[in-house]
N, C-alpha and C. Protein backbone atom coordinates (compact mmCIF):
# COMPACT_ATOMS: atom_id res chain seq x y z
N MET A 1 17.34 15.42 -27.26
CA MET A 1 17.20 14.21 -26.45
C MET A 1 17.07 13.01 -27.37
N ASP A 2 17.94 12.01 -27.21
CA ASP A 2 17.87 10.84 -28.07
C ASP A 2 16.75 9.92 -27.62
N ASP A 3 16.55 8.82 -28.41
CA ASP A 3 15.45 7.92 -28.12
C ASP A 3 15.57 7.29 -26.75
N PHE A 4 16.83 6.96 -26.33
CA PHE A 4 17.01 6.33 -25.03
C PHE A 4 16.61 7.29 -23.91
N ASP A 5 17.02 8.57 -24.08
CA ASP A 5 16.67 9.56 -23.06
C ASP A 5 15.17 9.76 -22.98
N ARG A 6 14.48 9.74 -24.14
CA ARG A 6 13.03 9.88 -24.13
C ARG A 6 12.40 8.72 -23.38
N SER A 7 12.94 7.51 -23.63
CA SER A 7 12.41 6.34 -22.94
C SER A 7 12.59 6.45 -21.44
N ALA A 8 13.78 6.91 -21.02
CA ALA A 8 14.03 7.09 -19.59
C ALA A 8 13.11 8.14 -19.00
N GLY A 9 12.88 9.22 -19.78
CA GLY A 9 11.99 10.26 -19.29
C GLY A 9 10.58 9.74 -19.06
N LYS A 10 10.11 8.89 -19.96
CA LYS A 10 8.77 8.31 -19.79
C LYS A 10 8.73 7.42 -18.57
N LYS A 11 9.80 6.68 -18.32
CA LYS A 11 9.80 5.78 -17.16
C LYS A 11 9.87 6.57 -15.86
N ILE A 12 10.56 7.73 -15.87
CA ILE A 12 10.57 8.57 -14.68
C ILE A 12 9.15 8.95 -14.31
N GLU A 13 8.34 9.26 -15.30
CA GLU A 13 6.95 9.63 -15.04
C GLU A 13 6.17 8.46 -14.45
N ARG A 14 6.64 7.25 -14.71
CA ARG A 14 5.92 6.06 -14.27
C ARG A 14 6.46 5.47 -12.97
N LEU A 15 7.46 6.11 -12.36
CA LEU A 15 7.95 5.61 -11.08
C LEU A 15 6.77 5.50 -10.11
N PRO A 16 6.69 4.42 -9.35
CA PRO A 16 5.45 4.11 -8.62
C PRO A 16 5.13 5.03 -7.44
N GLY A 17 6.10 5.80 -6.97
CA GLY A 17 5.81 6.69 -5.84
C GLY A 17 5.68 5.96 -4.52
N LEU A 18 6.26 4.76 -4.43
CA LEU A 18 6.15 3.97 -3.20
C LEU A 18 7.26 4.28 -2.21
N ASP A 19 8.34 4.95 -2.68
CA ASP A 19 9.47 5.27 -1.80
C ASP A 19 9.96 4.04 -1.05
N CYS A 20 10.06 2.92 -1.78
CA CYS A 20 10.39 1.64 -1.12
C CYS A 20 11.87 1.53 -0.77
N GLY A 21 12.74 2.27 -1.45
CA GLY A 21 14.16 2.25 -1.15
C GLY A 21 14.94 1.12 -1.79
N MET A 22 14.29 0.27 -2.57
CA MET A 22 14.97 -0.87 -3.17
C MET A 22 16.03 -0.44 -4.19
N CYS A 23 15.89 0.77 -4.74
CA CYS A 23 16.85 1.27 -5.72
C CYS A 23 18.09 1.87 -5.06
N GLY A 24 18.06 2.05 -3.75
CA GLY A 24 19.16 2.66 -3.03
C GLY A 24 18.92 4.11 -2.66
N GLN A 25 17.81 4.70 -3.16
CA GLN A 25 17.43 6.06 -2.81
C GLN A 25 16.27 6.04 -1.82
N LYS A 26 16.16 7.08 -1.02
CA LYS A 26 15.09 7.11 -0.02
C LYS A 26 13.72 7.32 -0.65
N THR A 27 13.68 8.05 -1.77
CA THR A 27 12.40 8.38 -2.39
C THR A 27 12.47 8.17 -3.90
N CYS A 28 11.30 8.03 -4.52
CA CYS A 28 11.23 7.95 -5.98
C CYS A 28 11.72 9.25 -6.61
N ALA A 29 11.47 10.38 -5.94
CA ALA A 29 11.93 11.67 -6.46
C ALA A 29 13.46 11.72 -6.50
N GLY A 30 14.09 11.19 -5.46
CA GLY A 30 15.55 11.12 -5.44
C GLY A 30 16.09 10.23 -6.53
N PHE A 31 15.41 9.11 -6.79
CA PHE A 31 15.83 8.18 -7.84
C PHE A 31 15.65 8.82 -9.21
N ALA A 32 14.61 9.63 -9.38
CA ALA A 32 14.39 10.32 -10.66
C ALA A 32 15.58 11.21 -10.99
N ARG A 33 16.15 11.88 -9.99
CA ARG A 33 17.32 12.73 -10.24
C ARG A 33 18.52 11.90 -10.67
N VAL A 34 18.64 10.70 -10.10
CA VAL A 34 19.73 9.80 -10.51
C VAL A 34 19.56 9.41 -11.97
N ILE A 35 18.33 9.09 -12.37
CA ILE A 35 18.06 8.65 -13.74
C ILE A 35 18.36 9.76 -14.74
N LEU A 36 18.08 11.01 -14.38
CA LEU A 36 18.35 12.13 -15.29
C LEU A 36 19.83 12.21 -15.64
N ASN A 37 20.69 11.91 -14.67
CA ASN A 37 22.14 11.95 -14.91
C ASN A 37 22.66 10.65 -15.50
N SER A 38 22.03 9.54 -15.15
CA SER A 38 22.49 8.22 -15.62
C SER A 38 21.27 7.38 -16.00
N PRO A 39 20.75 7.57 -17.21
CA PRO A 39 19.51 6.90 -17.61
C PRO A 39 19.54 5.38 -17.47
N GLN A 40 20.73 4.78 -17.59
CA GLN A 40 20.81 3.32 -17.50
C GLN A 40 20.46 2.80 -16.11
N GLU A 41 20.49 3.69 -15.11
CA GLU A 41 20.18 3.28 -13.74
C GLU A 41 18.71 2.93 -13.55
N ILE A 42 17.87 3.21 -14.56
CA ILE A 42 16.44 2.87 -14.49
C ILE A 42 16.23 1.41 -14.18
N SER A 43 17.22 0.56 -14.53
CA SER A 43 17.08 -0.88 -14.31
C SER A 43 17.04 -1.23 -12.83
N ARG A 44 17.40 -0.29 -11.95
CA ARG A 44 17.39 -0.55 -10.50
C ARG A 44 16.00 -0.51 -9.90
N CYS A 45 14.99 -0.01 -10.65
CA CYS A 45 13.62 0.01 -10.12
C CYS A 45 12.98 -1.35 -10.34
N VAL A 46 12.76 -2.07 -9.25
CA VAL A 46 12.21 -3.43 -9.36
C VAL A 46 10.77 -3.40 -9.85
N HIS A 47 10.07 -2.28 -9.66
CA HIS A 47 8.67 -2.20 -10.08
C HIS A 47 8.56 -2.01 -11.59
N LEU A 48 9.49 -1.26 -12.20
CA LEU A 48 9.45 -1.07 -13.63
C LEU A 48 10.07 -2.22 -14.39
N ASN A 49 10.87 -3.01 -13.73
CA ASN A 49 11.60 -4.06 -14.43
C ASN A 49 11.14 -5.46 -14.08
N SER A 50 9.89 -5.58 -13.65
CA SER A 50 9.31 -6.91 -13.47
C SER A 50 9.06 -7.51 -14.83
N SER A 51 8.74 -8.80 -14.88
CA SER A 51 8.50 -9.48 -16.15
C SER A 51 7.30 -8.89 -16.87
N LYS A 52 6.41 -8.20 -16.11
CA LYS A 52 5.26 -7.53 -16.70
C LYS A 52 5.35 -6.07 -16.31
N GLU A 53 6.20 -5.32 -17.01
CA GLU A 53 6.60 -3.99 -16.60
C GLU A 53 5.43 -3.06 -16.33
N ASN A 54 4.38 -3.16 -17.08
CA ASN A 54 3.29 -2.20 -16.94
C ASN A 54 2.36 -2.52 -15.78
N LEU A 55 2.69 -3.54 -14.99
CA LEU A 55 1.77 -3.90 -13.92
C LEU A 55 1.88 -2.99 -12.71
N SER A 56 2.84 -2.06 -12.69
CA SER A 56 2.85 -1.06 -11.63
C SER A 56 1.90 0.08 -11.96
N GLU A 57 1.34 0.07 -13.17
CA GLU A 57 0.50 1.15 -13.61
C GLU A 57 -0.90 1.20 -13.01
N PRO A 58 -1.45 0.11 -12.43
CA PRO A 58 -2.81 0.21 -11.92
C PRO A 58 -3.02 1.32 -10.90
N ASN A 59 -1.93 1.85 -10.32
CA ASN A 59 -2.09 2.93 -9.36
C ASN A 59 -2.70 4.18 -10.00
N ARG A 60 -2.66 4.30 -11.32
CA ARG A 60 -3.19 5.47 -12.00
C ARG A 60 -4.57 5.13 -12.52
N THR A 61 -5.56 5.81 -12.00
CA THR A 61 -6.94 5.40 -12.27
C THR A 61 -7.71 6.37 -13.13
N GLU A 62 -7.13 7.51 -13.52
CA GLU A 62 -7.84 8.49 -14.31
C GLU A 62 -7.24 8.57 -15.71
N ASN A 63 -8.14 8.53 -16.72
CA ASN A 63 -7.74 8.67 -18.11
C ASN A 63 -6.69 7.65 -18.51
N GLU A 64 -6.77 6.45 -17.99
CA GLU A 64 -5.78 5.44 -18.29
C GLU A 64 -6.40 4.06 -18.17
N ILE A 65 -5.98 3.16 -19.05
CA ILE A 65 -6.48 1.80 -19.01
C ILE A 65 -5.82 1.06 -17.84
N ILE A 66 -6.62 0.37 -17.04
CA ILE A 66 -6.11 -0.41 -15.92
C ILE A 66 -5.93 -1.86 -16.36
N VAL A 67 -4.81 -2.44 -16.02
CA VAL A 67 -4.49 -3.79 -16.46
C VAL A 67 -5.27 -4.84 -15.68
N TRP A 68 -5.60 -4.56 -14.43
CA TRP A 68 -6.33 -5.49 -13.55
C TRP A 68 -5.55 -6.77 -13.28
N LYS A 69 -4.21 -6.65 -13.21
CA LYS A 69 -3.37 -7.77 -12.82
C LYS A 69 -2.28 -7.26 -11.89
N ASP A 70 -1.89 -8.10 -10.91
CA ASP A 70 -0.85 -7.67 -9.99
C ASP A 70 0.53 -7.97 -10.58
N SER A 71 1.59 -7.77 -9.80
CA SER A 71 2.94 -7.92 -10.31
C SER A 71 3.30 -9.37 -10.63
N LEU A 72 2.47 -10.32 -10.18
CA LEU A 72 2.67 -11.74 -10.51
C LEU A 72 1.71 -12.21 -11.59
N GLY A 73 1.00 -11.25 -12.19
CA GLY A 73 0.10 -11.58 -13.28
C GLY A 73 -1.25 -12.13 -12.86
N ARG A 74 -1.62 -11.97 -11.59
CA ARG A 74 -2.89 -12.49 -11.09
C ARG A 74 -3.96 -11.41 -11.14
N GLU A 75 -5.16 -11.76 -11.53
CA GLU A 75 -6.25 -10.80 -11.68
C GLU A 75 -6.78 -10.34 -10.32
N TYR A 76 -7.23 -9.09 -10.27
CA TYR A 76 -7.90 -8.58 -9.08
C TYR A 76 -9.12 -7.76 -9.50
N ASP A 77 -9.95 -7.40 -8.51
CA ASP A 77 -11.26 -6.81 -8.81
C ASP A 77 -11.33 -5.30 -8.63
N PHE A 78 -10.54 -4.76 -7.71
CA PHE A 78 -10.56 -3.31 -7.51
C PHE A 78 -9.28 -2.84 -6.84
N ILE A 79 -9.08 -1.52 -6.90
CA ILE A 79 -7.96 -0.87 -6.25
C ILE A 79 -8.47 -0.18 -4.99
N LEU A 80 -7.81 -0.41 -3.87
CA LEU A 80 -8.20 0.24 -2.62
C LEU A 80 -7.35 1.49 -2.40
N ASP A 81 -8.00 2.65 -2.52
CA ASP A 81 -7.33 3.93 -2.32
C ASP A 81 -7.51 4.41 -0.89
N SER A 82 -6.75 5.45 -0.54
CA SER A 82 -6.92 6.08 0.77
C SER A 82 -8.08 7.05 0.72
N PHE A 83 -8.61 7.40 1.90
CA PHE A 83 -9.60 8.45 1.99
C PHE A 83 -8.93 9.80 1.71
N ASP A 84 -9.73 10.77 1.31
CA ASP A 84 -9.18 12.10 1.06
C ASP A 84 -8.47 12.64 2.30
N ASN A 85 -7.34 13.29 2.06
CA ASN A 85 -6.54 13.95 3.12
C ASN A 85 -5.92 12.97 4.10
N GLU A 86 -5.83 11.68 3.73
CA GLU A 86 -5.13 10.70 4.56
C GLU A 86 -3.97 10.11 3.75
N PRO A 87 -2.87 9.75 4.43
CA PRO A 87 -1.65 9.35 3.71
C PRO A 87 -1.67 7.95 3.12
N GLY A 88 -2.67 7.14 3.44
CA GLY A 88 -2.74 5.79 2.91
C GLY A 88 -4.00 5.09 3.38
N PRO A 89 -4.28 3.88 2.85
CA PRO A 89 -5.46 3.14 3.31
C PRO A 89 -5.38 2.84 4.81
N ARG A 90 -6.54 2.81 5.45
CA ARG A 90 -6.59 2.50 6.88
C ARG A 90 -6.54 0.99 7.10
N GLU A 91 -5.73 0.57 8.06
CA GLU A 91 -5.62 -0.84 8.42
C GLU A 91 -5.81 -0.95 9.93
N THR A 92 -6.71 -1.83 10.36
CA THR A 92 -6.89 -2.11 11.79
C THR A 92 -6.06 -3.33 12.14
N ILE A 93 -5.19 -3.18 13.13
CA ILE A 93 -4.22 -4.24 13.45
C ILE A 93 -4.25 -4.57 14.94
N LEU A 94 -3.84 -5.80 15.25
CA LEU A 94 -3.73 -6.25 16.64
C LEU A 94 -2.36 -6.87 16.82
N PRO A 95 -1.47 -6.25 17.61
CA PRO A 95 -0.14 -6.82 17.84
C PRO A 95 -0.25 -8.23 18.43
N TYR A 96 0.69 -9.10 18.07
CA TYR A 96 0.68 -10.44 18.64
C TYR A 96 0.78 -10.38 20.15
N ASN A 97 1.44 -9.34 20.65
CA ASN A 97 1.43 -9.05 22.08
C ASN A 97 0.66 -7.75 22.27
N PRO A 98 -0.68 -7.82 22.48
CA PRO A 98 -1.49 -6.59 22.56
C PRO A 98 -1.02 -5.61 23.62
N ALA A 99 -0.28 -6.10 24.62
CA ALA A 99 0.19 -5.22 25.69
C ALA A 99 1.18 -4.18 25.17
N ARG A 100 1.78 -4.44 24.00
CA ARG A 100 2.76 -3.49 23.46
C ARG A 100 2.11 -2.15 23.13
N THR A 101 0.83 -2.18 22.78
CA THR A 101 0.15 -0.92 22.48
C THR A 101 0.19 0.02 23.68
N LYS A 102 -0.04 -0.55 24.86
CA LYS A 102 -0.01 0.25 26.08
C LYS A 102 1.42 0.49 26.55
N ASP A 103 2.27 -0.56 26.47
CA ASP A 103 3.65 -0.43 26.94
C ASP A 103 4.42 0.63 26.16
N LEU A 104 4.15 0.72 24.84
CA LEU A 104 4.82 1.72 24.01
C LEU A 104 4.09 3.06 24.00
N ASN A 105 2.95 3.09 24.71
CA ASN A 105 2.13 4.31 24.78
C ASN A 105 1.82 4.84 23.38
N ILE A 106 1.31 3.93 22.52
CA ILE A 106 0.96 4.33 21.16
C ILE A 106 -0.17 5.35 21.20
N LYS A 107 0.02 6.45 20.49
CA LYS A 107 -0.97 7.53 20.45
C LYS A 107 -1.23 7.91 18.99
N PRO A 108 -2.40 8.52 18.71
CA PRO A 108 -2.64 9.02 17.36
C PRO A 108 -1.51 9.94 16.90
N LYS A 109 -1.15 9.82 15.62
CA LYS A 109 -0.07 10.57 14.95
C LYS A 109 1.30 9.96 15.17
N ASP A 110 1.42 8.93 16.03
CA ASP A 110 2.71 8.24 16.17
C ASP A 110 3.06 7.51 14.88
N VAL A 111 4.34 7.54 14.52
CA VAL A 111 4.84 6.74 13.40
C VAL A 111 5.22 5.37 13.96
N ILE A 112 4.68 4.31 13.37
CA ILE A 112 4.94 2.96 13.89
C ILE A 112 5.28 2.02 12.74
N ILE A 113 5.96 0.92 13.09
CA ILE A 113 6.27 -0.12 12.12
C ILE A 113 5.92 -1.48 12.72
N GLY A 114 5.73 -2.46 11.87
CA GLY A 114 5.44 -3.82 12.30
C GLY A 114 5.31 -4.71 11.08
N ARG A 115 5.22 -6.03 11.30
CA ARG A 115 5.06 -6.93 10.15
C ARG A 115 3.87 -7.85 10.34
N PRO A 116 2.93 -7.85 9.37
CA PRO A 116 1.79 -8.77 9.45
C PRO A 116 2.26 -10.20 9.24
N MET A 117 1.84 -11.09 10.12
CA MET A 117 2.32 -12.47 10.06
C MET A 117 1.15 -13.43 10.24
N GLY A 118 1.26 -14.62 9.67
CA GLY A 118 0.29 -15.67 9.90
C GLY A 118 -0.88 -15.63 8.95
N MET A 119 -2.02 -16.17 9.38
CA MET A 119 -3.19 -16.31 8.53
C MET A 119 -3.73 -14.98 8.04
N SER A 120 -3.54 -13.90 8.81
CA SER A 120 -4.15 -12.63 8.44
C SER A 120 -3.55 -12.05 7.17
N CYS A 121 -2.30 -12.32 6.89
CA CYS A 121 -1.66 -11.80 5.67
C CYS A 121 -0.37 -12.56 5.36
N GLY A 122 0.56 -12.55 6.30
CA GLY A 122 1.84 -13.19 6.02
C GLY A 122 2.68 -12.42 5.04
N CYS A 123 2.56 -11.09 5.02
CA CYS A 123 3.35 -10.27 4.11
C CYS A 123 4.82 -10.29 4.54
N PRO A 124 5.78 -10.47 3.59
CA PRO A 124 7.19 -10.50 3.96
C PRO A 124 7.80 -9.12 4.18
N VAL A 125 7.02 -8.06 3.95
CA VAL A 125 7.54 -6.70 4.06
C VAL A 125 7.09 -6.05 5.37
N THR A 126 8.02 -5.39 6.05
CA THR A 126 7.65 -4.60 7.23
C THR A 126 6.77 -3.44 6.80
N HIS A 127 5.64 -3.27 7.47
CA HIS A 127 4.73 -2.17 7.16
C HIS A 127 5.05 -0.96 8.02
N CYS A 128 4.81 0.21 7.46
CA CYS A 128 5.04 1.46 8.16
C CYS A 128 3.77 2.30 8.06
N GLY A 129 3.54 3.14 9.05
CA GLY A 129 2.34 3.96 8.97
C GLY A 129 2.22 4.96 10.10
N VAL A 130 1.09 5.65 10.09
CA VAL A 130 0.79 6.68 11.09
C VAL A 130 -0.47 6.26 11.84
N ALA A 131 -0.39 6.20 13.18
CA ALA A 131 -1.53 5.80 13.99
C ALA A 131 -2.64 6.84 13.90
N MET A 132 -3.87 6.35 13.72
CA MET A 132 -5.03 7.24 13.63
C MET A 132 -5.93 7.09 14.85
N GLU A 133 -6.22 5.84 15.24
CA GLU A 133 -7.05 5.55 16.40
C GLU A 133 -6.38 4.45 17.21
N VAL A 134 -6.43 4.58 18.54
CA VAL A 134 -5.74 3.62 19.41
C VAL A 134 -6.67 3.20 20.54
N ASP A 135 -6.81 1.88 20.71
CA ASP A 135 -7.58 1.29 21.81
C ASP A 135 -6.56 0.59 22.72
N GLN A 136 -6.09 1.31 23.75
CA GLN A 136 -5.05 0.74 24.61
C GLN A 136 -5.59 -0.36 25.52
N VAL A 137 -6.91 -0.43 25.71
CA VAL A 137 -7.48 -1.48 26.54
C VAL A 137 -7.37 -2.84 25.84
N ASN A 138 -7.77 -2.89 24.56
CA ASN A 138 -7.73 -4.14 23.81
C ASN A 138 -6.49 -4.29 22.93
N GLY A 139 -5.72 -3.22 22.80
CA GLY A 139 -4.50 -3.28 22.01
C GLY A 139 -4.68 -2.96 20.54
N LEU A 140 -5.91 -2.75 20.09
CA LEU A 140 -6.17 -2.50 18.68
C LEU A 140 -5.64 -1.12 18.25
N ILE A 141 -5.07 -1.09 17.04
CA ILE A 141 -4.57 0.16 16.46
C ILE A 141 -5.13 0.28 15.05
N THR A 142 -5.65 1.44 14.71
CA THR A 142 -5.99 1.74 13.32
C THR A 142 -4.99 2.76 12.83
N TRP A 143 -4.29 2.40 11.76
CA TRP A 143 -3.28 3.30 11.23
C TRP A 143 -3.47 3.45 9.73
N CYS A 144 -2.86 4.49 9.17
CA CYS A 144 -2.79 4.65 7.72
C CYS A 144 -1.46 4.08 7.26
N VAL A 145 -1.52 3.07 6.41
CA VAL A 145 -0.31 2.44 5.90
C VAL A 145 0.34 3.35 4.87
N THR A 146 1.61 3.64 5.06
CA THR A 146 2.35 4.53 4.16
C THR A 146 3.61 3.81 3.68
N GLY A 147 4.46 4.52 2.98
CA GLY A 147 5.76 3.99 2.62
C GLY A 147 6.73 4.12 3.78
N PRO A 148 7.99 3.67 3.60
CA PRO A 148 8.96 3.64 4.70
C PRO A 148 9.68 4.95 4.95
N LEU A 149 9.33 6.01 4.22
CA LEU A 149 10.06 7.26 4.37
C LEU A 149 9.93 7.85 5.77
N GLY A 150 8.73 7.74 6.39
CA GLY A 150 8.52 8.30 7.72
C GLY A 150 9.49 7.76 8.75
N PRO A 151 9.55 6.41 8.94
CA PRO A 151 10.49 5.86 9.92
C PRO A 151 11.95 6.14 9.60
N ARG A 152 12.27 6.39 8.33
CA ARG A 152 13.66 6.69 7.97
C ARG A 152 14.06 8.10 8.38
N SER A 153 13.09 8.97 8.55
CA SER A 153 13.40 10.38 8.77
C SER A 153 13.01 10.89 10.15
N GLN A 154 12.34 10.04 10.97
CA GLN A 154 11.93 10.50 12.29
C GLN A 154 11.79 9.32 13.24
N GLU A 155 11.54 9.62 14.50
CA GLU A 155 11.41 8.55 15.49
C GLU A 155 10.16 7.72 15.21
N TYR A 156 10.23 6.44 15.55
CA TYR A 156 9.10 5.55 15.34
C TYR A 156 9.04 4.52 16.47
N LYS A 157 7.91 3.82 16.55
CA LYS A 157 7.73 2.77 17.55
C LYS A 157 7.49 1.44 16.83
N ASP A 158 8.15 0.40 17.28
CA ASP A 158 8.09 -0.92 16.63
C ASP A 158 7.17 -1.83 17.45
N ILE A 159 6.03 -2.21 16.86
CA ILE A 159 5.09 -3.07 17.57
C ILE A 159 5.36 -4.55 17.33
N GLY A 160 6.34 -4.87 16.48
CA GLY A 160 6.67 -6.26 16.20
C GLY A 160 5.66 -6.91 15.27
N TYR A 161 5.44 -8.22 15.44
CA TYR A 161 4.48 -8.93 14.60
C TYR A 161 3.05 -8.57 14.99
N TYR A 162 2.17 -8.55 13.98
CA TYR A 162 0.78 -8.24 14.26
C TYR A 162 -0.14 -8.99 13.31
N ALA A 163 -1.42 -9.05 13.67
CA ALA A 163 -2.46 -9.62 12.80
C ALA A 163 -3.24 -8.46 12.18
N ALA A 164 -3.41 -8.51 10.86
CA ALA A 164 -4.20 -7.49 10.16
C ALA A 164 -5.67 -7.90 10.23
N GLU A 165 -6.49 -7.07 10.85
CA GLU A 165 -7.88 -7.40 11.08
C GLU A 165 -8.82 -6.82 10.03
N ALA A 166 -8.49 -5.64 9.48
CA ALA A 166 -9.41 -5.00 8.53
C ALA A 166 -8.69 -3.91 7.76
N TYR A 167 -9.20 -3.63 6.55
CA TYR A 167 -8.81 -2.47 5.77
C TYR A 167 -10.03 -1.58 5.60
N GLU A 168 -9.79 -0.26 5.56
CA GLU A 168 -10.82 0.69 5.19
C GLU A 168 -10.24 1.63 4.15
N GLY A 169 -11.04 1.95 3.14
CA GLY A 169 -10.54 2.84 2.11
C GLY A 169 -11.60 3.17 1.09
N ALA A 170 -11.17 3.86 0.03
CA ALA A 170 -12.07 4.29 -1.03
C ALA A 170 -11.80 3.50 -2.30
N ILE A 171 -12.86 3.12 -2.99
CA ILE A 171 -12.73 2.43 -4.26
C ILE A 171 -13.21 3.37 -5.36
N LYS A 172 -12.27 3.79 -6.19
CA LYS A 172 -12.59 4.68 -7.31
C LYS A 172 -12.67 3.92 -8.62
N SER A 173 -12.04 2.75 -8.68
CA SER A 173 -12.04 1.93 -9.88
C SER A 173 -12.29 0.48 -9.50
N THR A 174 -13.27 -0.15 -10.13
CA THR A 174 -13.58 -1.55 -9.85
C THR A 174 -13.92 -2.28 -11.13
N ASN A 175 -13.62 -3.55 -11.14
CA ASN A 175 -13.86 -4.39 -12.31
C ASN A 175 -15.09 -5.27 -12.13
N LYS A 176 -15.71 -5.19 -10.93
CA LYS A 176 -16.87 -6.02 -10.63
C LYS A 176 -17.87 -5.23 -9.81
N GLU A 177 -19.11 -5.68 -9.83
CA GLU A 177 -20.13 -5.09 -8.96
C GLU A 177 -19.79 -5.42 -7.52
N LEU A 178 -19.91 -4.43 -6.64
CA LEU A 178 -19.55 -4.61 -5.24
C LEU A 178 -20.80 -4.89 -4.41
N LYS A 179 -20.72 -5.91 -3.55
CA LYS A 179 -21.83 -6.28 -2.68
C LYS A 179 -21.32 -6.61 -1.29
N ILE A 180 -22.09 -6.23 -0.29
CA ILE A 180 -21.76 -6.61 1.09
C ILE A 180 -21.86 -8.13 1.22
N GLY A 181 -20.89 -8.71 1.91
CA GLY A 181 -20.91 -10.15 2.14
C GLY A 181 -20.18 -10.95 1.10
N MET A 182 -19.65 -10.28 0.08
CA MET A 182 -18.91 -10.98 -0.98
C MET A 182 -17.40 -10.80 -0.75
N ARG A 183 -16.64 -11.83 -1.11
CA ARG A 183 -15.19 -11.78 -1.02
C ARG A 183 -14.61 -11.38 -2.37
N TYR A 184 -13.61 -10.49 -2.35
CA TYR A 184 -13.02 -9.98 -3.58
C TYR A 184 -11.50 -10.01 -3.49
N TRP A 185 -10.88 -9.99 -4.68
CA TRP A 185 -9.45 -9.74 -4.78
C TRP A 185 -9.26 -8.24 -4.99
N PHE A 186 -8.31 -7.63 -4.28
CA PHE A 186 -8.09 -6.20 -4.43
C PHE A 186 -6.61 -5.87 -4.30
N LEU A 187 -6.24 -4.71 -4.79
CA LEU A 187 -4.86 -4.25 -4.73
C LEU A 187 -4.79 -2.98 -3.90
N PRO A 188 -4.17 -3.02 -2.69
CA PRO A 188 -4.01 -1.79 -1.91
C PRO A 188 -3.12 -0.80 -2.66
N ARG A 189 -3.50 0.46 -2.62
CA ARG A 189 -2.78 1.49 -3.36
C ARG A 189 -1.29 1.48 -3.09
N ARG A 190 -0.88 1.34 -1.83
CA ARG A 190 0.53 1.48 -1.48
C ARG A 190 1.23 0.16 -1.23
N CYS A 191 0.68 -0.93 -1.75
CA CYS A 191 1.36 -2.22 -1.58
C CYS A 191 2.70 -2.18 -2.31
N MET A 192 3.80 -2.32 -1.57
CA MET A 192 5.12 -2.21 -2.17
C MET A 192 5.43 -3.37 -3.09
N LEU A 193 4.79 -4.52 -2.88
CA LEU A 193 5.02 -5.67 -3.74
C LEU A 193 4.04 -5.72 -4.90
N GLN A 194 3.02 -4.86 -4.87
CA GLN A 194 1.97 -4.87 -5.88
C GLN A 194 1.34 -6.26 -6.00
N TRP A 195 1.04 -6.87 -4.85
CA TRP A 195 0.39 -8.18 -4.79
C TRP A 195 -1.09 -8.00 -4.47
N ARG A 196 -1.91 -8.85 -5.03
CA ARG A 196 -3.33 -8.78 -4.72
C ARG A 196 -3.59 -9.33 -3.33
N HIS A 197 -4.63 -8.81 -2.68
CA HIS A 197 -5.12 -9.26 -1.39
C HIS A 197 -6.55 -9.77 -1.57
N SER A 198 -7.01 -10.52 -0.60
CA SER A 198 -8.39 -11.01 -0.62
C SER A 198 -9.07 -10.59 0.68
N GLY A 199 -10.35 -10.22 0.58
CA GLY A 199 -11.09 -9.85 1.78
C GLY A 199 -12.58 -9.80 1.53
N LEU A 200 -13.36 -9.83 2.62
CA LEU A 200 -14.81 -9.79 2.56
C LEU A 200 -15.29 -8.37 2.89
N ILE A 201 -16.06 -7.79 2.01
CA ILE A 201 -16.61 -6.45 2.25
C ILE A 201 -17.80 -6.56 3.21
N ASN A 202 -17.72 -5.87 4.35
CA ASN A 202 -18.84 -5.91 5.29
C ASN A 202 -19.42 -4.51 5.58
N PHE A 203 -18.96 -3.51 4.79
CA PHE A 203 -19.56 -2.17 4.86
C PHE A 203 -19.32 -1.47 3.54
N ILE A 204 -20.37 -0.86 2.97
CA ILE A 204 -20.25 -0.06 1.75
C ILE A 204 -21.06 1.22 1.91
N ASN A 205 -20.46 2.33 1.55
CA ASN A 205 -21.18 3.60 1.47
C ASN A 205 -20.74 4.28 0.19
N LYS A 206 -21.69 4.59 -0.69
CA LYS A 206 -21.36 5.23 -1.96
C LYS A 206 -21.62 6.72 -1.88
N ARG A 207 -20.60 7.50 -2.30
CA ARG A 207 -20.72 8.95 -2.27
C ARG A 207 -19.98 9.52 -3.48
N ASN A 208 -20.74 10.20 -4.35
CA ASN A 208 -20.14 10.82 -5.54
C ASN A 208 -19.35 9.82 -6.38
N ASN A 209 -19.97 8.65 -6.62
CA ASN A 209 -19.37 7.60 -7.45
C ASN A 209 -18.11 6.99 -6.86
N ILE A 210 -17.87 7.23 -5.58
CA ILE A 210 -16.75 6.60 -4.88
C ILE A 210 -17.32 5.74 -3.76
N PHE A 211 -16.86 4.50 -3.67
CA PHE A 211 -17.31 3.58 -2.63
C PHE A 211 -16.38 3.67 -1.43
N GLN A 212 -16.96 3.88 -0.25
CA GLN A 212 -16.21 3.78 0.99
C GLN A 212 -16.49 2.38 1.56
N VAL A 213 -15.44 1.62 1.83
CA VAL A 213 -15.64 0.23 2.23
C VAL A 213 -14.79 -0.14 3.45
N ARG A 214 -15.26 -1.19 4.14
CA ARG A 214 -14.47 -1.86 5.17
C ARG A 214 -14.36 -3.31 4.75
N ILE A 215 -13.13 -3.85 4.82
CA ILE A 215 -12.84 -5.20 4.35
C ILE A 215 -12.20 -5.99 5.49
N GLU A 216 -12.76 -7.16 5.81
CA GLU A 216 -12.21 -8.02 6.84
C GLU A 216 -11.91 -9.40 6.28
N GLY A 217 -11.38 -10.29 7.12
CA GLY A 217 -11.03 -11.63 6.66
C GLY A 217 -9.91 -11.58 5.62
N LEU A 218 -8.85 -10.86 5.94
CA LEU A 218 -7.81 -10.56 4.95
C LEU A 218 -6.85 -11.72 4.73
N MET A 219 -6.45 -11.86 3.46
CA MET A 219 -5.40 -12.80 3.08
C MET A 219 -4.64 -12.20 1.89
N ILE A 220 -3.40 -12.65 1.70
CA ILE A 220 -2.66 -12.31 0.49
C ILE A 220 -2.75 -13.52 -0.43
N GLY A 221 -3.05 -13.29 -1.70
CA GLY A 221 -3.24 -14.46 -2.54
C GLY A 221 -2.77 -14.34 -3.93
């Protein structure tokens, strides 16, 4: 294996696992197979080829130095991971038309998509996830935010625009002391843009050196 192939092999190991599809493949695993045959295709990964290439690395929190900067070079305070045995961080959302929750008969385990808009986040990317808890009376949905692979491979329900009300997740790595009532910058594990978010922690529970938190007052910053 020549030096270029070794370099490509190392980058395959660093593929972000977001399954964003920007490279033209449905999954990072599929793109890795493309790279093995054509190493020059590595340039199609927008996460590895940002101006600060190593900024996709904060997703790895064990035995590795964390950069503590997002893909735009902005500092953040912690990484928000998913709870054990869940596919992604929990997000509580309210559709701009709350009646859609009932009209679409959203139920736990449904695959759904929507886009956060306005003051709550204003993310330009459509979010995808799996419903965990549903309040059809008020329209509130708590889902686990995942990558787009689910809606690409099975039926899904589109709730349209929504407001992001809260995140819940686990913090395994933090750069600051965590306190209830304080606002922090954080990076959600599965953020496809690798942009920092801002939110106020209003619940903390520490268990085995892992913080379980709820974050409200969300913004992208």
